[in-house]
Amino acid sequence: MTKIRPISIIQSMSGKVCEHSDMYFRTNQRTQAVYTGKLCHPSDAEPSEAQERAKMRFTKLAAAVDTELAKPAERSKWLKKYLRQDKIGSLRGYVFAQINHLYDKNGDLI
């Protein structure tokens, strides 16, 4: 199997090509791998209670990640751990994945 090297325009893309497009591009900044995806059947229904809880939990976890990375000592600790792995492509994503299990389904610290 061969690796494909995308042209430079696609390599620098992130998000949608235009507002009417349903094709998304994402470049992993660390590995430079380009991923594409297509939004096939978006929902236009009102979010359920479970979806609202998930959104609130994500918001709380994102704030916790921001707090962790704002402290220089904590940031350097997380950076050392992040550089030892190659699965997750961003420091923010790595910290999010690591502290995810510390929060309950409502987004409160356990």
Protein backbone atom coordinates (compact mmCIF):
# COMPACT_ATOMS: atom_id res chain seq x y z
CA MET A 1 0.00 0.00 0.00
CA THR A 2 1.36 3.40 -0.90
CA LYS A 3 1.06 6.67 0.91
CA ILE A 4 -0.53 9.57 -0.90
CA ARG A 5 1.00 13.00 -0.63
CA PRO A 6 -1.76 15.56 -1.17
CA ILE A 7 -1.14 18.72 -3.15
CA SER A 8 -0.15 21.72 -1.06
CA ILE A 9 -3.59 23.36 -1.26
CA ILE A 10 -5.29 20.35 0.37
CA GLN A 11 -2.48 19.94 2.91
CA SER A 12 -3.20 23.34 4.38
CA MET A 13 -7.00 22.97 4.42
CA SER A 14 -9.02 22.58 7.55
CA GLY A 15 -12.79 22.60 7.76
CA LYS A 16 -15.17 22.90 4.83
CA VAL A 17 -14.23 23.92 1.30
CA CYS A 18 -17.17 26.33 1.14
CA GLU A 19 -20.31 26.95 3.19
CA HIS A 20 -22.41 24.75 0.87
CA SER A 21 -20.01 21.82 0.89
CA ASP A 22 -20.54 18.70 2.98
CA MET A 23 -16.90 17.57 2.63
CA TYR A 24 -14.50 18.33 5.49
CA PHE A 25 -10.70 18.32 5.53
CA ARG A 26 -8.47 18.07 8.59
CA THR A 27 -4.67 18.05 8.73
CA ASN A 28 -2.97 16.54 11.76
CA GLN A 29 -0.40 19.21 12.61
CA ARG A 30 2.02 16.75 14.15
CA THR A 31 2.01 13.94 11.59
CA GLN A 32 0.83 16.03 8.59
CA ALA A 33 -1.72 13.30 7.75
CA VAL A 34 -4.77 14.66 5.92
CA TYR A 35 -8.20 13.27 6.80
CA THR A 36 -11.46 13.86 4.97
CA GLY A 37 -15.03 13.28 6.01
CA LYS A 38 -18.50 13.86 4.69
CA LEU A 39 -21.57 14.92 6.64
CA CYS A 40 -24.22 12.70 5.06
CA HIS A 41 -27.43 13.13 7.03
CA PRO A 42 -27.30 16.06 9.45
CA SER A 43 -30.10 16.15 12.00
CA ASP A 44 -32.45 19.10 12.11
CA ALA A 45 -34.29 17.86 15.23
CA GLU A 46 -34.03 19.60 18.58
CA PRO A 47 -31.24 18.16 20.76
CA SER A 48 -32.35 15.59 23.31
CA GLU A 49 -31.68 15.92 27.03
CA ALA A 50 -28.82 13.42 26.76
CA GLN A 51 -27.26 15.45 23.94
CA GLU A 52 -27.55 18.64 26.00
CA ARG A 53 -25.84 16.90 28.95
CA ALA A 54 -23.06 15.69 26.66
CA LYS A 55 -22.59 19.22 25.34
CA MET A 56 -22.42 20.62 28.89
CA ARG A 57 -19.92 17.92 29.92
CA PHE A 58 -17.73 18.70 26.91
CA THR A 59 -17.86 22.42 27.75
CA LYS A 60 -16.76 21.75 31.34
CA LEU A 61 -13.94 19.43 30.26
CA ALA A 62 -12.71 21.95 27.69
CA ALA A 63 -12.59 24.61 30.43
CA ALA A 64 -10.63 22.20 32.66
CA VAL A 65 -8.13 21.58 29.85
CA ASP A 66 -7.71 25.34 29.36
CA THR A 67 -7.07 25.73 33.09
CA GLU A 68 -4.47 22.94 33.08
CA LEU A 69 -2.62 24.33 30.08
CA ALA A 70 -2.65 27.90 31.42
CA LYS A 71 -0.29 26.92 34.26
CA PRO A 72 3.32 26.82 32.97
CA ALA A 73 4.42 23.98 35.29
CA GLU A 74 1.43 21.83 34.38
CA ARG A 75 1.82 22.61 30.70
CA SER A 76 5.45 21.43 30.66
CA LYS A 77 4.47 18.25 32.53
CA TRP A 78 1.74 17.50 29.97
CA LEU A 79 4.03 18.40 27.07
CA LYS A 80 6.65 15.83 28.16
CA LYS A 81 3.99 13.11 28.30
CA TYR A 82 2.47 14.22 25.00
CA LEU A 83 5.79 14.07 23.15
CA ARG A 84 6.29 10.44 24.25
CA GLN A 85 3.20 9.29 22.36
CA ASP A 86 2.14 9.53 18.72
CA LYS A 87 -1.54 8.59 18.78
CA ILE A 88 -3.07 12.01 19.49
CA GLY A 89 -2.05 14.90 17.25
CA SER A 90 -2.39 17.89 19.57
CA LEU A 91 -1.42 18.72 23.13
CA ARG A 92 -4.92 19.98 23.88
CA GLY A 93 -6.48 16.75 22.55
CA TYR A 94 -4.02 14.67 24.57
CA VAL A 95 -4.81 16.45 27.84
CA PHE A 96 -8.54 16.17 27.11
CA ALA A 97 -8.21 12.40 26.57
CA GLN A 98 -6.16 11.97 29.75
CA ILE A 99 -8.48 13.86 32.11
CA ASN A 100 -11.72 12.64 30.53
CA HIS A 101 -12.08 9.73 32.99
CA LEU A 102 -11.81 12.09 35.96
CA TYR A 103 -15.23 13.62 35.25
CA ASP A 104 -18.68 12.08 35.68
CA LYS A 105 -21.48 12.12 33.09
CA ASN A 106 -22.53 15.64 34.17
CA GLY A 107 -19.02 17.03 33.76
CA ASP A 108 -18.30 17.32 37.47
CA LEU A 109 -14.92 16.32 38.89
CA ILE A 110 -15.09 12.90 40.57
